[in-house]
PDB file of N, CA and C in Angstrom:
ATOM      1  N   MET A   1      82.579 141.607 162.638  1.00  0.00           N
ATOM      2  CA  MET A   1      83.577 140.587 162.360  1.00  0.00           C
ATOM      3  C   MET A   1      82.764 139.840 161.275  1.00  0.00           C
ATOM      4  N   LYS A   2      81.559 139.161 161.550  1.00  0.00           N
ATOM      5  CA  LYS A   2      80.848 138.439 160.496  1.00  0.00           C
ATOM      6  C   LYS A   2      80.851 139.152 159.299  1.00  0.00           C
ATOM      7  N   LYS A   3      80.575 140.405 159.253  1.00  0.00           N
ATOM      8  CA  LYS A   3      80.484 141.045 157.967  1.00  0.00           C
ATOM      9  C   LYS A   3      81.827 140.908 156.935  1.00  0.00           C
ATOM     10  N   LEU A   4      82.967 141.240 157.983  1.00  0.00           N
ATOM     11  CA  LEU A   4      84.190 141.064 157.176  1.00  0.00           C
ATOM     12  C   LEU A   4      84.497 139.771 156.633  1.00  0.00           C
ATOM     13  N   ALA A   5      84.200 138.798 157.346  1.00  0.00           N
ATOM     14  CA  ALA A   5      84.502 137.270 156.844  1.00  0.00           C
ATOM     15  C   ALA A   5      83.619 137.160 155.866  1.00  0.00           C
ATOM     16  N   VAL A   6      82.441 137.565 155.900  1.00  0.00           N
ATOM     17  CA  VAL A   6      81.759 137.209 154.659  1.00  0.00           C
ATOM     18  C   VAL A   6      81.895 137.953 153.528  1.00  0.00           C
ATOM     19  N   ILE A   7      82.499 139.136 153.458  1.00  0.00           N
ATOM     20  CA  ILE A   7      82.928 139.967 152.476  1.00  0.00           C
ATOM     21  C   ILE A   7      84.188 139.185 151.942  1.00  0.00           C
ATOM     22  N   PHE A   8      85.095 138.668 152.683  1.00  0.00           N
ATOM     23  CA  PHE A   8      86.600 137.986 152.473  1.00  0.00           C
ATOM     24  C   PHE A   8      86.149 136.892 151.651  1.00  0.00           C
ATOM     25  N   LEU A   9      85.163 136.041 152.126  1.00  0.00           N
ATOM     26  CA  LEU A   9      84.635 134.984 151.615  1.00  0.00           C
ATOM     27  C   LEU A   9      84.083 134.969 150.348  1.00  0.00           C
ATOM     28  N   SER A  10      83.237 136.210 150.284  1.00  0.00           N
ATOM     29  CA  SER A  10      82.675 136.460 148.796  1.00  0.00           C
ATOM     30  C   SER A  10      83.679 136.813 147.748  1.00  0.00           C
ATOM     31  N   LEU A  11      84.945 137.717 148.287  1.00  0.00           N
ATOM     32  CA  LEU A  11      85.878 138.105 147.495  1.00  0.00           C
ATOM     33  C   LEU A  11      86.629 136.626 146.993  1.00  0.00           C
ATOM     34  N   GLY A  12      86.755 135.795 147.856  1.00  0.00           N
ATOM     35  CA  GLY A  12      87.758 134.613 147.364  1.00  0.00           C
ATOM     36  C   GLY A  12      86.700 133.697 146.431  1.00  0.00           C
ATOM     37  N   LEU A  13      85.491 133.832 146.635  1.00  0.00           N
ATOM     38  CA  LEU A  13      84.697 133.209 145.539  1.00  0.00           C
ATOM     39  C   LEU A  13      84.510 133.782 144.371  1.00  0.00           C
ATOM     40  N   ILE A  14      84.573 134.742 144.398  1.00  0.00           N
ATOM     41  CA  ILE A  14      84.728 135.560 142.868  1.00  0.00           C
ATOM     42  C   ILE A  14      85.909 135.437 142.295  1.00  0.00           C
ATOM     43  N   SER A  15      86.926 135.554 142.767  1.00  0.00           N
ATOM     44  CA  SER A  15      88.308 135.480 142.219  1.00  0.00           C
ATOM     45  C   SER A  15      88.635 133.957 141.876  1.00  0.00           C
ATOM     46  N   PHE A  16      88.067 132.879 142.674  1.00  0.00           N
ATOM     47  CA  PHE A  16      88.150 131.498 142.202  1.00  0.00           C
ATOM     48  C   PHE A  16      87.279 131.671 140.914  1.00  0.00           C
ATOM     49  N   SER A  17      86.255 131.795 140.994  1.00  0.00           N
ATOM     50  CA  SER A  17      85.312 131.968 139.866  1.00  0.00           C
ATOM     51  C   SER A  17      85.732 132.222 138.600  1.00  0.00           C
ATOM     52  N   ALA A  18      86.425 133.488 138.696  1.00  0.00           N
ATOM     53  CA  ALA A  18      87.159 134.070 137.465  1.00  0.00           C
ATOM     54  C   ALA A  18      88.526 133.307 137.186  1.00  0.00           C
ATOM     55  N   ALA A  19      89.245 132.974 138.136  1.00  0.00           N
ATOM     56  CA  ALA A  19      90.376 131.778 137.513  1.00  0.00           C
ATOM     57  C   ALA A  19      89.772 130.854 136.940  1.00  0.00           C
ATOM     58  N   ASN A  20      88.840 130.088 137.210  1.00  0.00           N
ATOM     59  CA  ASN A  20      88.219 128.622 137.059  1.00  0.00           C
ATOM     60  C   ASN A  20      87.566 129.066 135.335  1.00  0.00           C
ATOM     61  N   ALA A  21      86.889 130.327 135.154  1.00  0.00           N
ATOM     62  CA  ALA A  21      86.807 130.548 133.872  1.00  0.00           C
ATOM     63  C   ALA A  21      87.750 130.827 133.106  1.00  0.00           C
ATOM     64  N   GLN A  22      88.738 131.423 133.424  1.00  0.00           N
ATOM     65  CA  GLN A  22      90.076 131.516 132.720  1.00  0.00           C
ATOM     66  C   GLN A  22      90.630 130.333 132.268  1.00  0.00           C
ATOM     67  N   VAL A  23      90.807 129.572 133.216  1.00  0.00           N
ATOM     68  CA  VAL A  23      91.398 128.160 133.047  1.00  0.00           C
ATOM     69  C   VAL A  23      90.447 127.248 132.142  1.00  0.00           C
ATOM     70  N   LYS A  24      89.061 127.596 132.011  1.00  0.00           N
ATOM     71  CA  LYS A  24      88.315 126.700 131.078  1.00  0.00           C
ATOM     72  C   LYS A  24      88.568 127.143 129.638  1.00  0.00           C
ATOM     73  N   GLU A  25      88.656 128.643 129.439  1.00  0.00           N
ATOM     74  CA  GLU A  25      88.813 129.262 128.259  1.00  0.00           C
ATOM     75  C   GLU A  25      90.256 128.989 127.493  1.00  0.00           C
ATOM     76  N   GLU A  26      91.516 128.577 128.556  1.00  0.00           N
ATOM     77  CA  GLU A  26      92.728 128.139 127.805  1.00  0.00           C
ATOM     78  C   GLU A  26      92.591 126.763 127.400  1.00  0.00           C
ATOM     79  N   VAL A  27      91.847 126.030 128.330  1.00  0.00           N
ATOM     80  CA  VAL A  27      91.715 124.620 127.900  1.00  0.00           C
ATOM     81  C   VAL A  27      90.895 124.383 126.590  1.00  0.00           C
ATOM     82  N   LYS A  28      89.814 125.342 126.273  1.00  0.00           N
ATOM     83  CA  LYS A  28      89.069 125.402 125.343  1.00  0.00           C
ATOM     84  C   LYS A  28      89.828 125.781 123.994  1.00  0.00           C
ATOM     85  N   LYS A  29      90.944 126.652 124.159  1.00  0.00           N
ATOM     86  CA  LYS A  29      91.941 127.309 123.105  1.00  0.00           C
ATOM     87  C   LYS A  29      92.585 125.970 122.971  1.00  0.00           C
ATOM     88  N   ASP A  30      93.518 125.429 123.696  1.00  0.00           N
ATOM     89  CA  ASP A  30      94.363 124.110 123.518  1.00  0.00           C
ATOM     90  C   ASP A  30      93.735 123.143 122.924  1.00  0.00           C
ATOM     91  N   ALA A  31      92.464 122.820 123.194  1.00  0.00           N
ATOM     92  CA  ALA A  31      91.618 121.661 122.470  1.00  0.00           C
ATOM     93  C   ALA A  31      91.459 121.929 120.997  1.00  0.00           C
ATOM     94  N   LYS A  32      91.384 123.216 120.574  1.00  0.00           N
ATOM     95  CA  LYS A  32      91.050 123.552 119.486  1.00  0.00           C
ATOM     96  C   LYS A  32      92.318 123.545 118.584  1.00  0.00           C
ATOM     97  N   LYS A  33      93.322 123.899 119.455  1.00  0.00           N
ATOM     98  CA  LYS A  33      94.840 123.889 118.604  1.00  0.00           C
ATOM     99  C   LYS A  33      95.099 122.430 118.239  1.00  0.00           C
ATOM    100  N   VAL A  34      94.968 121.377 119.314  1.00  0.00           N
ATOM    101  CA  VAL A  34      94.868 119.982 119.135  1.00  0.00           C
ATOM    102  C   VAL A  34      94.176 119.342 117.885  1.00  0.00           C
ATOM    103  N   GLY A  35      92.873 119.835 118.048  1.00  0.00           N
ATOM    104  CA  GLY A  35      92.096 119.654 116.859  1.00  0.00           C
ATOM    105  C   GLY A  35      92.538 120.027 115.521  1.00  0.00           C
ATOM    106  N   HIS A  36      93.009 121.234 115.275  1.00  0.00           N
ATOM    107  CA  HIS A  36      93.604 121.633 114.011  1.00  0.00           C
ATOM    108  C   HIS A  36      94.628 120.926 113.725  1.00  0.00           C
ATOM    109  N   LYS A  37      95.623 120.585 114.424  1.00  0.00           N
ATOM    110  CA  LYS A  37      97.013 119.876 114.186  1.00  0.00           C
ATOM    111  C   LYS A  37      96.461 118.587 113.599  1.00  0.00           C
ATOM    112  N   THR A  38      95.559 117.888 114.665  1.00  0.00           N
ATOM    113  CA  THR A  38      95.086 116.506 114.274  1.00  0.00           C
ATOM    114  C   THR A  38      94.709 116.375 112.534  1.00  0.00           C
ATOM    115  N   ALA A  39      93.709 117.483 112.403  1.00  0.00           N
ATOM    116  CA  ALA A  39      93.072 117.514 110.998  1.00  0.00           C
ATOM    117  C   ALA A  39      94.293 117.850 110.214  1.00  0.00           C
ATOM    118  N   GLU A  40      95.048 118.675 110.403  1.00  0.00           N
ATOM    119  CA  GLU A  40      96.001 118.729 109.292  1.00  0.00           C
ATOM    120  C   GLU A  40      96.966 117.409 109.176  1.00  0.00           C
ATOM    121  N   VAL A  41      97.610 116.850 110.227  1.00  0.00           N
ATOM    122  CA  VAL A  41      98.225 115.759 109.943  1.00  0.00           C
ATOM    123  C   VAL A  41      97.670 114.655 109.087  1.00  0.00           C
ATOM    124  N   ALA A  42      96.161 114.510 109.756  1.00  0.00           N
ATOM    125  CA  ALA A  42      95.207 113.444 108.967  1.00  0.00           C
ATOM    126  C   ALA A  42      95.216 113.833 107.475  1.00  0.00           C
ATOM    127  N   SER A  43      95.146 114.930 107.242  1.00  0.00           N
ATOM    128  CA  SER A  43      94.671 115.668 105.829  1.00  0.00           C
ATOM    129  C   SER A  43      96.044 115.186 105.042  1.00  0.00           C
ATOM    130  N   LYS A  44      97.219 115.634 105.469  1.00  0.00           N
ATOM    131  CA  LYS A  44      98.506 115.585 104.814  1.00  0.00           C
ATOM    132  C   LYS A  44      98.755 113.925 104.784  1.00  0.00           C
ATOM    133  N   THR A  45      98.715 113.182 105.709  1.00  0.00           N
ATOM    134  CA  THR A  45      98.663 111.723 105.484  1.00  0.00           C
ATOM    135  C   THR A  45      97.879 111.123 104.170  1.00  0.00           C
ATOM    136  N   LYS A  46      96.510 111.551 104.282  1.00  0.00           N
ATOM    137  CA  LYS A  46      95.425 111.073 103.313  1.00  0.00           C
ATOM    138  C   LYS A  46      96.019 111.517 101.985  1.00  0.00           C
ATOM    139  N   ALA A  47      96.616 112.765 102.034  1.00  0.00           N
ATOM    140  CA  ALA A  47      96.674 113.462 100.506  1.00  0.00           C
ATOM    141  C   ALA A  47      98.136 112.667  99.939  1.00  0.00           C
ATOM    142  N   ALA A  48      99.051 112.427 100.928  1.00  0.00           N
ATOM    143  CA  ALA A  48     100.198 111.768 100.482  1.00  0.00           C
ATOM    144  C   ALA A  48     100.043 110.042  99.875  1.00  0.00           C
ATOM    145  N   VAL A  49      99.028 109.507 100.441  1.00  0.00           N
ATOM    146  CA  VAL A  49      98.652 108.446 100.155  1.00  0.00           C
ATOM    147  C   VAL A  49      97.974 108.094  98.791  1.00  0.00           C
ATOM    148  N   VAL A  50      96.726 109.075  98.652  1.00  0.00           N
ATOM    149  CA  VAL A  50      96.057 109.398  97.822  1.00  0.00           C
ATOM    150  C   VAL A  50      96.404 110.019  96.341  1.00  0.00           C
ATOM    151  N   ASP A  51      97.103 111.182  96.376  1.00  0.00           N
ATOM    152  CA  ASP A  51      97.351 111.974  95.466  1.00  0.00           C
ATOM    153  C   ASP A  51      98.763 111.983  95.543  1.00  0.00           C
ATOM    154  N   LYS A  52      99.134 112.588  94.254  1.00  0.00           N
ATOM    155  CA  LYS A  52     100.531 112.826  93.861  1.00  0.00           C
ATOM    156  C   LYS A  52     101.106 113.931  94.579  1.00  0.00           C
ATOM    157  N   ILE A  53     102.376 113.918  95.011  1.00  0.00           N
ATOM    158  CA  ILE A  53     103.135 114.958  95.518  1.00  0.00           C
ATOM    159  C   ILE A  53     103.801 115.534  94.357  1.00  0.00           C
ATOM    160  N   TYR A  54     103.785 116.904  94.354  1.00  0.00           N
ATOM    161  CA  TYR A  54     104.297 117.690  93.133  1.00  0.00           C
ATOM    162  C   TYR A  54     105.899 117.791  93.781  1.00  0.00           C
ATOM    163  N   LYS A  55     106.992 117.140  93.414  1.00  0.00           N
ATOM    164  CA  LYS A  55     108.130 117.317  93.518  1.00  0.00           C
ATOM    165  C   LYS A  55     109.121 118.366  93.397  1.00  0.00           C
ATOM    166  N   ASP A  56     108.746 118.835  92.337  1.00  0.00           N
ATOM    167  CA  ASP A  56     109.595 120.023  91.705  1.00  0.00           C
ATOM    168  C   ASP A  56     108.964 121.575  92.036  1.00  0.00           C
ATOM    169  N   LYS A  57     107.976 121.525  92.615  1.00  0.00           N
ATOM    170  CA  LYS A  57     107.209 123.059  92.878  1.00  0.00           C
ATOM    171  C   LYS A  57     106.771 122.957  94.493  1.00  0.00           C
ATOM    172  N   GLU A  58     106.660 124.195  94.849  1.00  0.00           N
ATOM    173  CA  GLU A  58     106.101 124.591  96.030  1.00  0.00           C
ATOM    174  C   GLU A  58     105.006 125.529  96.292  1.00  0.00           C
ATOM    175  N   GLY A  59     104.324 125.767  97.100  1.00  0.00           N
ATOM    176  CA  GLY A  59     103.493 126.685  97.168  1.00  0.00           C
ATOM    177  C   GLY A  59     104.214 128.123  97.668  1.00  0.00           C
ATOM    178  N   PRO A  60     103.414 129.015  97.681  1.00  0.00           N
ATOM    179  CA  PRO A  60     103.742 130.611  97.965  1.00  0.00           C
ATOM    180  C   PRO A  60     104.980 130.531  99.168  1.00  0.00           C
ATOM    181  N   ASP A  61     104.457 129.690 100.179  1.00  0.00           N
ATOM    182  CA  ASP A  61     105.034 130.003 101.388  1.00  0.00           C
ATOM    183  C   ASP A  61     105.912 128.664 101.919  1.00  0.00           C
ATOM    184  N   GLY A  62     106.411 127.679 100.731  1.00  0.00           N
ATOM    185  CA  GLY A  62     106.936 126.607 100.929  1.00  0.00           C
ATOM    186  C   GLY A  62     106.154 125.461 101.216  1.00  0.00           C
ATOM    187  N   GLN A  63     104.760 125.240 101.137  1.00  0.00           N
ATOM    188  CA  GLN A  63     104.120 124.431 101.338  1.00  0.00           C
ATOM    189  C   GLN A  63     104.368 123.083 100.341  1.00  0.00           C
ATOM    190  N   THR A  64     103.968 121.721 100.673  1.00  0.00           N
ATOM    191  CA  THR A  64     103.998 120.627  99.806  1.00  0.00           C
ATOM    192  C   THR A  64     102.843 120.822  98.985  1.00  0.00           C
ATOM    193  N   ILE A  65     103.011 120.452  97.508  1.00  0.00           N
ATOM    194  CA  ILE A  65     101.833 120.715  96.923  1.00  0.00           C
ATOM    195  C   ILE A  65     101.571 119.289  96.341  1.00  0.00           C
ATOM    196  N   TYR A  66     100.313 119.019  96.452  1.00  0.00           N
ATOM    197  CA  TYR A  66      99.574 117.670  95.821  1.00  0.00           C
ATOM    198  C   TYR A  66      98.915 117.860  94.583  1.00  0.00           C
ATOM    199  N   ILE A  67      98.783 116.821  94.065  1.00  0.00           N
ATOM    200  CA  ILE A  67      98.102 116.666  92.872  1.00  0.00           C
ATOM    201  C   ILE A  67      96.583 115.979  92.669  1.00  0.00           C
ATOM    202  N   ASP A  68      95.355 116.055  92.622  1.00  0.00           N
ATOM    203  CA  ASP A  68      94.330 115.469  92.987  1.00  0.00           C
ATOM    204  C   ASP A  68      94.034 114.626  91.714  1.00  0.00           C
ATOM    205  N   LYS A  69      93.021 114.007  91.611  1.00  0.00           N
ATOM    206  CA  LYS A  69      92.712 112.861  90.614  1.00  0.00           C
ATOM    207  C   LYS A  69      92.200 113.508  89.356  1.00  0.00           C
ATOM    208  N   HIS A  70      91.979 114.987  89.637  1.00  0.00           N
ATOM    209  CA  HIS A  70      91.491 115.770  88.605  1.00  0.00           C
ATOM    210  C   HIS A  70      92.388 116.930  87.995  1.00  0.00           C
ATOM    211  N   SER A  71      93.652 116.279  88.514  1.00  0.00           N
ATOM    212  CA  SER A  71      94.948 117.015  87.972  1.00  0.00           C
ATOM    213  C   SER A  71      95.104 118.503  88.694  1.00  0.00           C
ATOM    214  N   LYS A  72      94.311 118.944  89.745  1.00  0.00           N
ATOM    215  CA  LYS A  72      94.182 120.295  90.238  1.00  0.00           C
ATOM    216  C   LYS A  72      95.340 120.124  91.418  1.00  0.00           C
ATOM    217  N   TYR A  73      95.905 121.339  91.631  1.00  0.00           N
ATOM    218  CA  TYR A  73      96.809 121.613  92.832  1.00  0.00           C
ATOM    219  C   TYR A  73      96.375 122.051  93.923  1.00  0.00           C
ATOM    220  N   TYR A  74      96.880 121.597  95.209  1.00  0.00           N
ATOM    221  CA  TYR A  74      96.479 121.920  96.310  1.00  0.00           C
ATOM    222  C   TYR A  74      97.485 121.972  97.319  1.00  0.00           C
ATOM    223  N   TRP A  75      97.385 122.643  98.222  1.00  0.00           N
ATOM    224  CA  TRP A  75      98.389 122.375  99.703  1.00  0.00           C
ATOM    225  C   TRP A  75      97.423 122.514 100.698  1.00  0.00           C
ATOM    226  N   ILE A  76      97.891 121.655 101.804  1.00  0.00           N
ATOM    227  CA  ILE A  76      96.979 121.491 103.035  1.00  0.00           C
ATOM    228  C   ILE A  76      97.374 122.699 104.182  1.00  0.00           C
ATOM    229  N   ASP A  77      96.236 123.630 104.754  1.00  0.00           N
ATOM    230  CA  ASP A  77      96.639 124.383 105.518  1.00  0.00           C
ATOM    231  C   ASP A  77      96.488 123.964 107.008  1.00  0.00           C
ATOM    232  N   ASP A  78      96.631 124.906 107.982  1.00  0.00           N
ATOM    233  CA  ASP A  78      96.931 124.547 109.240  1.00  0.00           C
ATOM    234  C   ASP A  78      95.787 123.880 109.899  1.00  0.00           C
ATOM    235  N   LYS A  79      94.666 124.003 109.301  1.00  0.00           N
ATOM    236  CA  LYS A  79      93.224 123.462 109.843  1.00  0.00           C
ATOM    237  C   LYS A  79      92.981 122.405 109.114  1.00  0.00           C
ATOM    238  N   GLY A  80      93.847 121.661 108.212  1.00  0.00           N
ATOM    239  CA  GLY A  80      93.643 120.598 107.511  1.00  0.00           C
ATOM    240  C   GLY A  80      92.714 120.657 106.085  1.00  0.00           C
ATOM    241  N   LYS A  81      92.298 121.688 105.745  1.00  0.00           N
ATOM    242  CA  LYS A  81      91.693 122.177 104.806  1.00  0.00           C
ATOM    243  C   LYS A  81      92.339 122.205 103.413  1.00  0.00           C
ATOM    244  N   LYS A  82      92.093 121.847 102.057  1.00  0.00           N
ATOM    245  CA  LYS A  82      92.861 121.881 100.973  1.00  0.00           C
ATOM    246  C   LYS A  82      92.490 123.292 100.578  1.00  0.00           C
ATOM    247  N   GLN A  83      93.765 123.724 100.052  1.00  0.00           N
ATOM    248  CA  GLN A  83      93.583 125.400  99.488  1.00  0.00           C
ATOM    249  C   GLN A  83      94.302 124.918  98.113  1.00  0.00           C
ATOM    250  N   TYR A  84      93.253 125.192  97.110  1.00  0.00           N
ATOM    251  CA  TYR A  84      93.563 124.867  95.675  1.00  0.00           C
ATOM    252  C   TYR A  84      94.441 126.035  95.356  1.00  0.00           C
ATOM    253  N   ILE A  85      95.322 126.046  94.212  1.00  0.00           N
ATOM    254  CA  ILE A  85      96.104 126.757  93.667  1.00  0.00           C
ATOM    255  C   ILE A  85      96.526 126.762  92.285  1.00  0.00           C
ATOM    256  N   ALA A  86      96.534 127.781  91.333  1.00  0.00           N
ATOM    257  CA  ALA A  86      96.756 127.730  90.125  1.00  0.00           C
ATOM    258  C   ALA A  86      98.017 127.161  89.773  1.00  0.00           C
ATOM    259  N   LYS A  87      98.441 126.606  88.876  1.00  0.00           N
ATOM    260  CA  LYS A  87      99.703 126.150  88.648  1.00  0.00           C
ATOM    261  C   LYS A  87     100.729 127.261  88.291  1.00  0.00           C
ATOM    262  N   SER A  88     100.266 128.385  87.867  1.00  0.00           N
ATOM    263  CA  SER A  88     101.059 129.688  87.645  1.00  0.00           C
ATOM    264  C   SER A  88     101.447 130.170  88.880  1.00  0.00           C
ATOM    265  N   ALA A  89     100.806 129.858  89.801  1.00  0.00           N
ATOM    266  CA  ALA A  89     101.217 130.529  91.256  1.00  0.00           C
ATOM    267  C   ALA A  89     102.411 129.689  91.888  1.00  0.00           C
ATOM    268  N   LEU A  90     102.756 128.368  91.351  1.00  0.00           N
ATOM    269  CA  LEU A  90     103.522 127.549  92.160  1.00  0.00           C
ATOM    270  C   LEU A  90     105.171 128.166  91.859  1.00  0.00           C
ATOM    271  N   LYS A  91     105.750 128.000  92.979  1.00  0.00           N
ATOM    272  CA  LYS A  91     107.099 128.318  92.807  1.00  0.00           C
ATOM    273  C   LYS A  91     108.342 126.928  92.704  1.00  0.00           C
ATOM    274  N   ASP A  92     109.230 127.222  92.008  1.00  0.00           N
ATOM    275  CA  ASP A  92     110.214 126.090  91.589  1.00  0.00           C
ATOM    276  C   ASP A  92     110.915 125.877  93.060  1.00  0.00           C
ATOM    277  N   LYS A  93     111.061 124.497  93.533  1.00  0.00           N
ATOM    278  CA  LYS A  93     111.681 124.238  95.053  1.00  0.00           C
ATOM    279  C   LYS A  93     113.185 124.749  94.726  1.00  0.00           C
ATOM    280  N   LYS A  94     113.540 125.170  95.672  1.00  0.00           N
ATOM    281  CA  LYS A  94     115.026 125.598  96.169  1.00  0.00           C
ATOM    282  C   LYS A  94     115.903 124.460  96.066  1.00  0.00           C
ATOM    283  N   LYS A  95     117.048 124.160  95.393  1.00  0.00           N
ATOM    284  CA  LYS A  95     117.732 123.127  95.437  1.00  0.00           C
ATOM    285  C   LYS A  95     119.014 123.342  96.656  1.00  0.00           C
ATOM    286  N   GLY A  96     118.756 122.355  97.277  1.00  0.00           N
ATOM    287  CA  GLY A  96     120.237 122.695  98.172  1.00  0.00           C
ATOM    288  C   GLY A  96     120.327 121.782  99.413  1.00  0.00           C
TER     289      GLY A  96
END
């Protein structure tokens, strides 16, 4: 009977440990998503204040285009990084 209780206790601890590890991994993923979103919002806010917004053009997937002090065009990705783009790759904004 003691062996059976030890086995069940061991299985319980193992499953608890695995569940705890899974929760930690999910928290880590969620924290990373929040960090990326924070960086994206901060970068877009800074770009809107410091650089010009190109009102007539947009990026390949409809991104807002900014013009920096060196007259280079860029958009902000999901991780808050500047993605420079050639003027020839910009699309006209749809009117509507």
